[in-house]
Amino acid sequence: MNNNNKLSDRLLVNGIRLLALGFFPLIWFLFQAILFRELTEILPRSILVLLAILIGSSFIFLLYFGMNWLIGFAPKISQEGLFAGMFIGPALFMLSLFLFYPAVRTLYLSLQDRYGRDYVGFENYIWAFSDSEMKIIIRNQILWLIFVVSSVIILGLVVGWLADKLKRGESFFKSIIFMPMAISAVGSSAIFKFIYEYRPPPLTQIGLINGLRVSVGEDINGKECGNNIIRETGEKIDYIREGCLKPIGWLQQRDLSALPSFSNIDNSDSILSFLVNLPISTFLLMIVMVWMFTGFAMVVFSAAIKAIPSEIIEAGQIDGAGEGKIFFSIVLPYIKSTIIVVATYMTVSVLKAFDIVYVTTRGDLETNLLAVKMLDEFSKFRHYGRSATVAVLIFICVIPVIVLNAIKAREETQS
């Protein structure tokens, strides 16, 4: 008899769980989809918005009211878990619908042709690893991952450590460093675009770097150089005379070899040649992202450093350890998990970096990244198969990060 009661209770609990996690959200979604597909051709948009709010909120109220009533019939020992499922179920359903389905659909499209009609196998993936432009994009993405992630972590650690040593003005200093994080990526890109801006001579240089560059020094006759300044006497001071420094198209330079200071570098030195031939325009764009996220890393690391027990730091100081020894032997090991979190966040941010490149160069001059290329293939070239392939490549790059973090979390839980 007891076994029968336990079986019936288990069936009731699982039935309620199934209703909460899948059936009711599915019915709600299908009902609204069918209803509004028919009404869009009849009613104006303002009425549709009001109906969506009324119907959606009414259904949610009925859903939770009905589920609450059903859960009342379940054994008390199972009610707490069922209440959690009642609230989480619709969210899980919507997450599955709008996350997992697009992922599977994208993978399917990556195996299709230009218009997503015919199966072409791995042809798009062969293109991704053999096309000359894609090779440059993959190179750029790797450089971004190495340079941006490492720079943000190092600068964030150093600035966070030094900021905590300030006796006065710590909050003000941290606010200034964090400020770029409050600016959108588009706004930051526009700021740096004006910093790097180049205009061909004899136009006035509006870019900060070139404006300063052409305004210093003298020509071969000892006359002052200037950025097309008109003096009160009517004299024009320009920079097109011989001996004056000329403006440089910073984002137009594919490498340092085109700059005057590096034009005579001996290419026989392999290391020096490698450094000179690095894509300078790409590194200049990386600086934008480093500038944006250093404040974020600083705040996170500073909070982690403050959480270190003062007794540990004091013990190191009593043993005669200097600031450097304390930093590397105590601080870094103690905040290792925080460093992993920041590295994970920055890796994902770099893989989806789009705004900086799109606003400044539109991906031209060998500065393109995977996210920009994905949009170009979709909107500019109308090749949906290749666009989906690039999206899959971005997703594949994220998988190792997710797996490593899952392993790390499991190890910490077990320990």
Protein backbone atom coordinates (compact mmCIF):
# COMPACT_ATOMS: atom_id res chain seq x y z
CA MET A 1 0.00 0.00 0.00
CA ASN A 2 2.83 2.40 0.92
CA ASN A 3 4.61 1.59 -2.35
CA ASN A 4 1.47 2.44 -4.31
CA ASN A 5 1.15 5.77 -2.49
CA LYS A 6 4.79 6.59 -3.15
CA LEU A 7 4.35 5.72 -6.83
CA SER A 8 1.25 7.89 -7.16
CA ASP A 9 2.97 10.77 -5.37
CA ARG A 10 5.97 10.45 -7.66
CA LEU A 11 3.74 10.43 -10.75
CA LEU A 12 1.88 13.49 -9.48
CA VAL A 13 5.10 15.38 -8.76
CA ASN A 14 6.60 14.51 -12.16
CA GLY A 15 3.35 15.44 -13.89
CA ILE A 16 3.27 18.86 -12.25
CA ARG A 17 6.95 19.34 -13.07
CA LEU A 18 6.29 18.51 -16.72
CA LEU A 19 3.42 20.98 -16.85
CA ALA A 20 5.54 23.73 -15.27
CA LEU A 21 8.66 23.16 -17.37
CA GLY A 22 7.17 22.49 -20.77
CA PHE A 23 3.49 22.09 -21.45
CA PHE A 24 2.07 25.38 -20.20
CA PRO A 25 4.89 27.55 -21.65
CA LEU A 26 4.51 25.74 -24.99
CA ILE A 27 0.75 26.29 -25.08
CA TRP A 28 1.26 29.96 -24.15
CA PHE A 29 3.82 30.51 -26.89
CA LEU A 30 1.80 28.74 -29.60
CA PHE A 31 -1.39 30.54 -28.60
CA GLN A 32 0.21 33.98 -28.83
CA ALA A 33 2.06 33.13 -32.05
CA ILE A 34 -1.12 31.96 -33.82
CA LEU A 35 -3.28 34.76 -32.39
CA PHE A 36 -0.97 37.63 -33.26
CA ARG A 37 -0.16 36.26 -36.72
CA GLU A 38 -3.84 36.58 -37.55
CA LEU A 39 -4.33 39.93 -35.82
CA THR A 40 -1.35 41.71 -37.42
CA GLU A 41 -3.29 42.03 -40.67
CA ILE A 42 -6.39 43.44 -38.99
CA LEU A 43 -5.44 45.67 -36.06
CA PRO A 44 -3.06 48.67 -35.85
CA ARG A 45 0.26 48.26 -34.08
CA SER A 46 -0.73 50.28 -30.99
CA ILE A 47 -3.70 47.97 -30.33
CA LEU A 48 -1.47 44.92 -30.85
CA VAL A 49 0.98 46.21 -28.22
CA LEU A 50 -1.82 46.67 -25.69
CA LEU A 51 -3.22 43.22 -26.47
CA ALA A 52 0.23 41.64 -26.09
CA ILE A 53 0.61 43.22 -22.65
CA LEU A 54 -2.87 42.25 -21.50
CA ILE A 55 -2.84 38.71 -22.87
CA GLY A 56 0.73 38.02 -21.78
CA SER A 57 0.27 39.29 -18.22
CA SER A 58 -3.14 37.55 -17.90
CA PHE A 59 -1.70 34.23 -19.04
CA ILE A 60 1.26 34.53 -16.67
CA PHE A 61 -1.15 35.25 -13.78
CA LEU A 62 -3.33 32.25 -14.71
CA LEU A 63 -0.25 30.07 -15.18
CA TYR A 64 1.17 30.74 -11.74
CA PHE A 65 -2.24 30.71 -10.05
CA GLY A 66 -3.11 27.37 -11.64
CA MET A 67 0.31 25.85 -10.93
CA ASN A 68 0.13 27.04 -7.33
CA TRP A 69 -3.24 25.28 -7.02
CA LEU A 70 -1.87 22.06 -8.55
CA ILE A 71 1.22 22.06 -6.35
CA GLY A 72 -1.10 22.12 -3.32
CA PHE A 73 -2.04 18.50 -4.12
CA ALA A 74 1.57 17.31 -4.10
CA PRO A 75 3.28 15.94 -0.97
CA LYS A 76 4.64 18.73 1.23
CA ILE A 77 8.16 17.37 0.96
CA SER A 78 8.12 18.00 -2.81
CA GLN A 79 6.31 21.35 -2.84
CA GLU A 80 9.42 23.51 -2.37
CA GLY A 81 11.14 21.99 -5.42
CA LEU A 82 7.94 22.28 -7.48
CA PHE A 83 7.56 25.96 -6.60
CA ALA A 84 11.12 26.53 -7.87
CA GLY A 85 10.28 24.65 -11.07
CA MET A 86 7.14 26.74 -11.51
CA PHE A 87 9.16 29.95 -11.65
CA ILE A 88 12.16 28.56 -13.52
CA GLY A 89 10.21 26.47 -16.04
CA PRO A 90 8.96 29.24 -18.37
CA ALA A 91 12.38 30.91 -18.30
CA LEU A 92 14.10 27.63 -19.23
CA PHE A 93 11.62 27.08 -22.02
CA MET A 94 12.16 30.55 -23.50
CA LEU A 95 15.93 30.15 -23.12
CA SER A 96 15.80 26.87 -25.01
CA LEU A 97 13.59 28.37 -27.69
CA PHE A 98 15.63 31.51 -28.32
CA LEU A 99 19.13 30.13 -27.64
CA PHE A 100 19.38 26.45 -28.52
CA TYR A 101 17.17 26.56 -31.60
CA PRO A 102 19.13 29.45 -33.23
CA ALA A 103 22.38 27.61 -32.45
CA VAL A 104 21.19 24.43 -34.15
CA ARG A 105 19.75 26.43 -37.04
CA THR A 106 23.04 28.30 -37.52
CA LEU A 107 24.98 25.02 -37.57
CA TYR A 108 22.55 23.71 -40.20
CA LEU A 109 22.91 26.85 -42.37
CA SER A 110 26.71 26.59 -42.22
CA LEU A 111 26.39 23.39 -44.26
CA GLN A 112 24.19 25.06 -46.89
CA ASP A 113 24.94 27.12 -49.99
CA ARG A 114 24.78 30.88 -50.49
CA TYR A 115 21.01 31.07 -50.13
CA GLY A 116 20.61 28.30 -47.55
CA ARG A 117 18.83 26.00 -49.98
CA ASP A 118 21.25 23.27 -51.04
CA TYR A 119 23.54 21.12 -48.92
CA VAL A 120 27.25 21.75 -49.64
CA GLY A 121 28.84 19.83 -46.77
CA PHE A 122 32.03 21.36 -45.36
CA GLU A 123 32.63 23.64 -48.34
CA ASN A 124 32.09 26.78 -46.26
CA TYR A 125 34.52 25.55 -43.59
CA ILE A 126 37.15 24.84 -46.26
CA TRP A 127 36.66 28.42 -47.46
CA ALA A 128 37.06 29.73 -43.89
CA PHE A 129 40.52 28.19 -43.51
CA SER A 130 41.78 28.66 -47.07
CA ASP A 131 40.57 32.14 -48.06
CA SER A 132 43.35 34.75 -47.81
CA GLU A 133 41.11 37.34 -46.13
CA MET A 134 39.87 34.81 -43.58
CA LYS A 135 43.47 33.90 -42.73
CA ILE A 136 44.15 37.56 -41.91
CA ILE A 137 40.94 37.74 -39.86
CA ILE A 138 41.86 34.63 -37.86
CA ARG A 139 45.35 36.08 -37.31
CA ASN A 140 43.82 39.34 -36.08
CA GLN A 141 41.44 37.50 -33.76
CA ILE A 142 44.32 35.55 -32.21
CA LEU A 143 46.34 38.76 -31.75
CA TRP A 144 43.34 40.42 -30.10
CA LEU A 145 42.89 37.48 -27.74
CA ILE A 146 46.55 37.49 -26.72
CA PHE A 147 47.17 41.23 -26.49
CA VAL A 148 43.85 42.56 -25.17
CA VAL A 149 43.18 39.84 -22.57
CA SER A 150 46.74 39.88 -21.21
CA SER A 151 46.98 43.71 -21.24
CA VAL A 152 43.67 44.19 -19.42
CA ILE A 153 44.60 41.63 -16.76
CA ILE A 154 48.12 43.02 -16.20
CA LEU A 155 47.05 46.67 -16.17
CA GLY A 156 44.01 45.89 -14.01
CA LEU A 157 46.15 44.05 -11.48
CA VAL A 158 48.83 46.74 -11.33
CA VAL A 159 46.41 49.66 -11.15
CA GLY A 160 44.16 47.88 -8.64
CA TRP A 161 47.15 47.02 -6.41
CA LEU A 162 48.58 50.54 -6.56
CA ALA A 163 45.18 52.19 -6.06
CA ASP A 164 44.69 50.28 -2.81
CA LYS A 165 47.96 51.75 -1.56
CA LEU A 166 46.65 55.32 -1.85
CA LYS A 167 45.85 56.95 1.47
CA ARG A 168 43.87 59.76 -0.15
CA GLY A 169 41.86 60.04 -3.32
CA GLU A 170 41.45 56.30 -3.89
CA SER A 171 37.76 56.58 -4.83
CA PHE A 172 38.42 59.54 -7.17
CA PHE A 173 41.33 57.78 -8.85
CA LYS A 174 39.32 54.58 -9.38
CA SER A 175 36.37 56.56 -10.73
CA ILE A 176 38.59 58.19 -13.36
CA ILE A 177 40.07 54.84 -14.42
CA PHE A 178 36.62 53.21 -14.51
CA MET A 179 35.02 56.04 -16.50
CA PRO A 180 35.75 54.58 -19.99
CA MET A 181 33.67 51.54 -19.01
CA ALA A 182 30.64 53.85 -18.76
CA ILE A 183 31.10 54.95 -22.37
CA SER A 184 29.59 52.76 -25.07
CA ALA A 185 31.90 50.92 -27.46
CA VAL A 186 30.62 53.10 -30.30
CA GLY A 187 31.39 56.28 -28.35
CA SER A 188 34.87 55.05 -27.41
CA SER A 189 35.56 54.10 -31.02
CA ALA A 190 34.47 57.54 -32.22
CA ILE A 191 36.78 59.20 -29.67
CA PHE A 192 39.80 57.19 -30.82
CA LYS A 193 38.88 57.65 -34.47
CA PHE A 194 39.35 61.39 -33.96
CA ILE A 195 42.61 60.74 -32.10
CA TYR A 196 43.97 58.69 -35.04
CA GLU A 197 42.32 60.82 -37.76
CA TYR A 198 44.43 61.56 -40.85
CA ARG A 199 43.89 64.05 -43.67
CA PRO A 200 46.17 64.29 -46.69
CA PRO A 201 48.32 67.45 -46.90
CA PRO A 202 47.77 70.37 -47.12
CA LEU A 203 44.46 69.91 -45.23
CA THR A 204 44.28 70.89 -41.57
CA GLN A 205 44.81 67.89 -39.32
CA ILE A 206 41.86 67.42 -36.95
CA GLY A 207 43.25 64.23 -35.41
CA LEU A 208 44.89 64.73 -32.02
CA ILE A 209 48.12 62.83 -32.78
CA ASN A 210 48.65 64.31 -36.24
CA GLY A 211 47.61 67.77 -35.07
CA LEU A 212 50.34 67.71 -32.42
CA ARG A 213 52.84 66.09 -34.78
CA VAL A 214 52.64 68.74 -37.52
CA SER A 215 52.57 71.62 -35.01
CA VAL A 216 56.04 71.04 -33.58
CA GLY A 217 59.46 71.70 -35.00
CA GLU A 218 60.86 74.00 -37.66
CA ASP A 219 61.47 73.79 -41.38
CA ILE A 220 64.94 73.80 -42.97
CA ASN A 221 64.98 77.61 -42.87
CA GLY A 222 64.28 77.73 -39.15
CA LYS A 223 60.68 78.92 -39.54
CA GLU A 224 58.05 77.53 -37.18
CA CYS A 225 55.82 74.71 -38.42
CA GLY A 226 52.10 74.73 -37.64
CA ASN A 227 48.76 73.12 -38.36
CA ASN A 228 47.57 75.78 -40.84
CA ILE A 229 47.45 78.52 -38.22
CA ILE A 230 46.52 82.05 -39.31
CA ARG A 231 48.36 84.64 -37.20
CA GLU A 232 46.95 88.10 -36.43
CA THR A 233 49.34 89.51 -39.01
CA GLY A 234 47.66 87.37 -41.68
CA GLU A 235 50.65 85.00 -41.93
CA LYS A 236 49.76 81.34 -42.43
CA ILE A 237 51.89 78.77 -40.64
CA ASP A 238 51.60 75.36 -42.27
CA TYR A 239 53.43 72.02 -42.27
CA ILE A 240 53.91 71.35 -45.98
CA ARG A 241 57.32 73.00 -46.08
CA GLU A 242 60.47 70.90 -46.24
CA GLY A 243 61.72 69.90 -42.81
CA CYS A 244 58.31 69.93 -41.10
CA LEU A 245 56.90 66.66 -39.82
CA LYS A 246 54.22 65.19 -42.05
CA PRO A 247 50.96 63.60 -40.84
CA ILE A 248 50.73 59.82 -40.71
CA GLY A 249 47.70 57.72 -41.59
CA TRP A 250 47.83 55.62 -38.45
CA LEU A 251 44.91 53.37 -39.30
CA GLN A 252 46.04 53.22 -42.92
CA GLN A 253 49.40 51.65 -42.01
CA ARG A 254 49.42 47.87 -42.27
CA ASP A 255 52.77 47.67 -40.46
CA LEU A 256 55.57 49.80 -39.05
CA SER A 257 57.77 49.49 -42.13
CA ALA A 258 55.81 52.28 -43.86
CA LEU A 259 56.62 54.77 -41.10
CA PRO A 260 59.66 57.05 -41.57
CA SER A 261 61.42 55.90 -38.38
CA PHE A 262 61.27 52.23 -39.40
CA SER A 263 61.80 52.46 -43.16
CA ASN A 264 65.51 51.67 -42.95
CA ILE A 265 65.25 48.66 -40.62
CA ASP A 266 67.53 45.75 -41.52
CA ASN A 267 65.26 42.84 -42.46
CA SER A 268 68.04 40.31 -41.84
CA ASP A 269 67.23 40.38 -38.12
CA SER A 270 64.29 37.97 -37.95
CA ILE A 271 62.98 39.14 -34.55
CA LEU A 272 63.19 42.83 -35.45
CA SER A 273 61.65 42.14 -38.86
CA PHE A 274 58.77 40.27 -37.19
CA LEU A 275 58.09 43.17 -34.83
CA VAL A 276 58.23 45.76 -37.61
CA ASN A 277 55.83 43.77 -39.78
CA LEU A 278 53.19 43.44 -37.06
CA PRO A 279 49.86 45.04 -38.13
CA ILE A 280 50.04 48.46 -36.47
CA SER A 281 46.46 49.42 -37.39
CA THR A 282 45.15 46.32 -35.62
CA PHE A 283 47.15 47.11 -32.46
CA LEU A 284 45.87 50.69 -32.47
CA LEU A 285 42.32 49.33 -32.40
CA MET A 286 43.23 46.93 -29.59
CA ILE A 287 44.27 49.95 -27.49
CA VAL A 288 40.65 51.15 -27.61
CA MET A 289 39.38 47.95 -26.00
CA VAL A 290 42.19 47.90 -23.43
CA TRP A 291 41.32 51.50 -22.52
CA MET A 292 37.66 50.56 -22.12
CA PHE A 293 38.06 47.44 -19.94
CA THR A 294 41.07 48.25 -17.75
CA GLY A 295 38.79 50.07 -15.30
CA PHE A 296 36.49 47.06 -15.08
CA ALA A 297 39.41 44.73 -14.32
CA MET A 298 40.80 47.20 -11.80
CA VAL A 299 37.53 47.33 -9.83
CA VAL A 300 37.17 43.53 -9.77
CA PHE A 301 40.79 42.92 -8.78
CA SER A 302 40.71 45.69 -6.19
CA ALA A 303 37.68 44.09 -4.51
CA ALA A 304 39.43 40.70 -4.53
CA ILE A 305 42.63 42.18 -3.07
CA LYS A 306 40.69 43.91 -0.28
CA ALA A 307 39.16 40.51 0.60
CA ILE A 308 42.61 39.09 1.42
CA PRO A 309 42.91 38.80 5.22
CA SER A 310 45.19 41.54 6.52
CA GLU A 311 46.89 39.00 8.81
CA ILE A 312 48.38 37.21 5.78
CA ILE A 313 49.82 40.46 4.38
CA GLU A 314 51.17 41.46 7.78
CA ALA A 315 52.78 38.03 8.24
CA GLY A 316 54.60 38.46 4.95
CA GLN A 317 55.81 41.93 5.96
CA ILE A 318 57.05 40.62 9.33
CA ASP A 319 59.03 37.92 7.48
CA GLY A 320 60.76 40.69 5.54
CA ALA A 321 58.95 40.27 2.20
CA GLY A 322 58.90 43.35 0.02
CA GLU A 323 55.93 44.67 -1.96
CA GLY A 324 56.90 42.69 -5.04
CA LYS A 325 57.31 39.46 -3.10
CA ILE A 326 53.96 39.95 -1.37
CA PHE A 327 52.26 40.69 -4.67
CA PHE A 328 53.57 37.62 -6.50
CA SER A 329 53.62 35.15 -3.60
CA ILE A 330 50.49 36.12 -1.67
CA VAL A 331 48.17 38.37 -3.70
CA LEU A 332 48.28 36.57 -7.06
CA PRO A 333 47.70 33.03 -5.67
CA TYR A 334 44.91 34.28 -3.43
CA ILE A 335 42.96 35.99 -6.26
CA LYS A 336 43.68 33.32 -8.90
CA SER A 337 39.99 32.47 -9.30
CA THR A 338 39.17 36.15 -9.84
CA ILE A 339 41.84 36.38 -12.53
CA ILE A 340 40.26 33.38 -14.28
CA VAL A 341 36.83 35.06 -14.16
CA VAL A 342 38.19 38.30 -15.67
CA ALA A 343 40.13 36.35 -18.32
CA THR A 344 36.96 34.45 -19.25
CA TYR A 345 34.91 37.62 -19.50
CA MET A 346 37.55 39.35 -21.60
CA THR A 347 37.95 36.34 -23.91
CA VAL A 348 34.23 36.29 -24.66
CA SER A 349 34.22 40.10 -25.09
CA VAL A 350 37.11 39.94 -27.58
CA LEU A 351 35.48 37.13 -29.57
CA LYS A 352 32.35 39.22 -30.03
CA ALA A 353 34.22 42.52 -30.57
CA PHE A 354 32.42 44.37 -33.34
CA ASP A 355 31.77 48.05 -32.65
CA ILE A 356 35.40 49.18 -32.45
CA VAL A 357 36.39 47.79 -35.83
CA TYR A 358 33.12 48.66 -37.57
CA VAL A 359 33.10 52.30 -36.45
CA THR A 360 36.77 53.03 -37.13
CA THR A 361 37.72 51.07 -40.27
CA ARG A 362 34.66 48.99 -41.28
CA GLY A 363 37.04 46.04 -41.35
CA ASP A 364 39.19 47.47 -44.17
CA LEU A 365 42.99 47.72 -44.22
CA GLU A 366 43.41 44.21 -42.81
CA THR A 367 41.76 45.09 -39.48
CA ASN A 368 38.73 42.82 -39.79
CA LEU A 369 37.51 40.45 -37.07
CA LEU A 370 35.19 37.44 -37.08
CA ALA A 371 32.11 39.31 -35.82
CA VAL A 372 32.44 42.00 -38.51
CA LYS A 373 33.08 39.38 -41.19
CA MET A 374 29.95 37.53 -40.12
CA LEU A 375 27.88 40.67 -40.70
CA ASP A 376 29.62 41.42 -44.02
CA GLU A 377 28.87 37.96 -45.39
CA PHE A 378 25.25 38.27 -44.27
CA SER A 379 24.38 41.82 -45.32
CA LYS A 380 26.98 42.88 -47.89
CA PHE A 381 27.65 39.65 -49.81
CA ARG A 382 24.35 37.88 -49.02
CA HIS A 383 26.12 34.57 -48.44
CA TYR A 384 24.14 33.08 -45.56
CA GLY A 385 26.12 29.83 -45.51
CA ARG A 386 29.44 31.60 -44.96
CA SER A 387 27.94 34.01 -42.43
CA ALA A 388 26.63 31.04 -40.42
CA THR A 389 30.04 29.36 -40.70
CA VAL A 390 31.80 32.37 -39.16
CA ALA A 391 29.21 32.38 -36.36
CA VAL A 392 29.91 28.69 -35.70
CA LEU A 393 33.67 29.43 -35.55
CA ILE A 394 33.05 32.08 -32.88
CA PHE A 395 30.94 29.59 -30.92
CA ILE A 396 33.65 26.93 -31.21
CA CYS A 397 36.20 29.38 -29.80
CA VAL A 398 33.96 29.98 -26.78
CA ILE A 399 33.49 26.24 -26.00
CA PRO A 400 37.01 25.67 -24.51
CA VAL A 401 36.51 28.67 -22.23
CA ILE A 402 33.19 27.28 -20.98
CA VAL A 403 34.65 23.80 -20.47
CA LEU A 404 37.70 25.07 -18.58
CA ASN A 405 35.53 27.19 -16.29
CA ALA A 406 33.21 24.24 -15.65
CA ILE A 407 36.19 22.05 -14.73
CA LYS A 408 37.57 24.78 -12.47
CA ALA A 409 34.21 25.25 -10.74
CA ARG A 410 33.91 21.50 -10.20
CA GLU A 411 37.40 21.32 -8.68
CA GLU A 412 36.63 24.19 -6.31
CA THR A 413 33.34 22.53 -5.29
CA GLN A 414 35.06 19.22 -4.57
CA SER A 415 37.84 20.86 -2.60
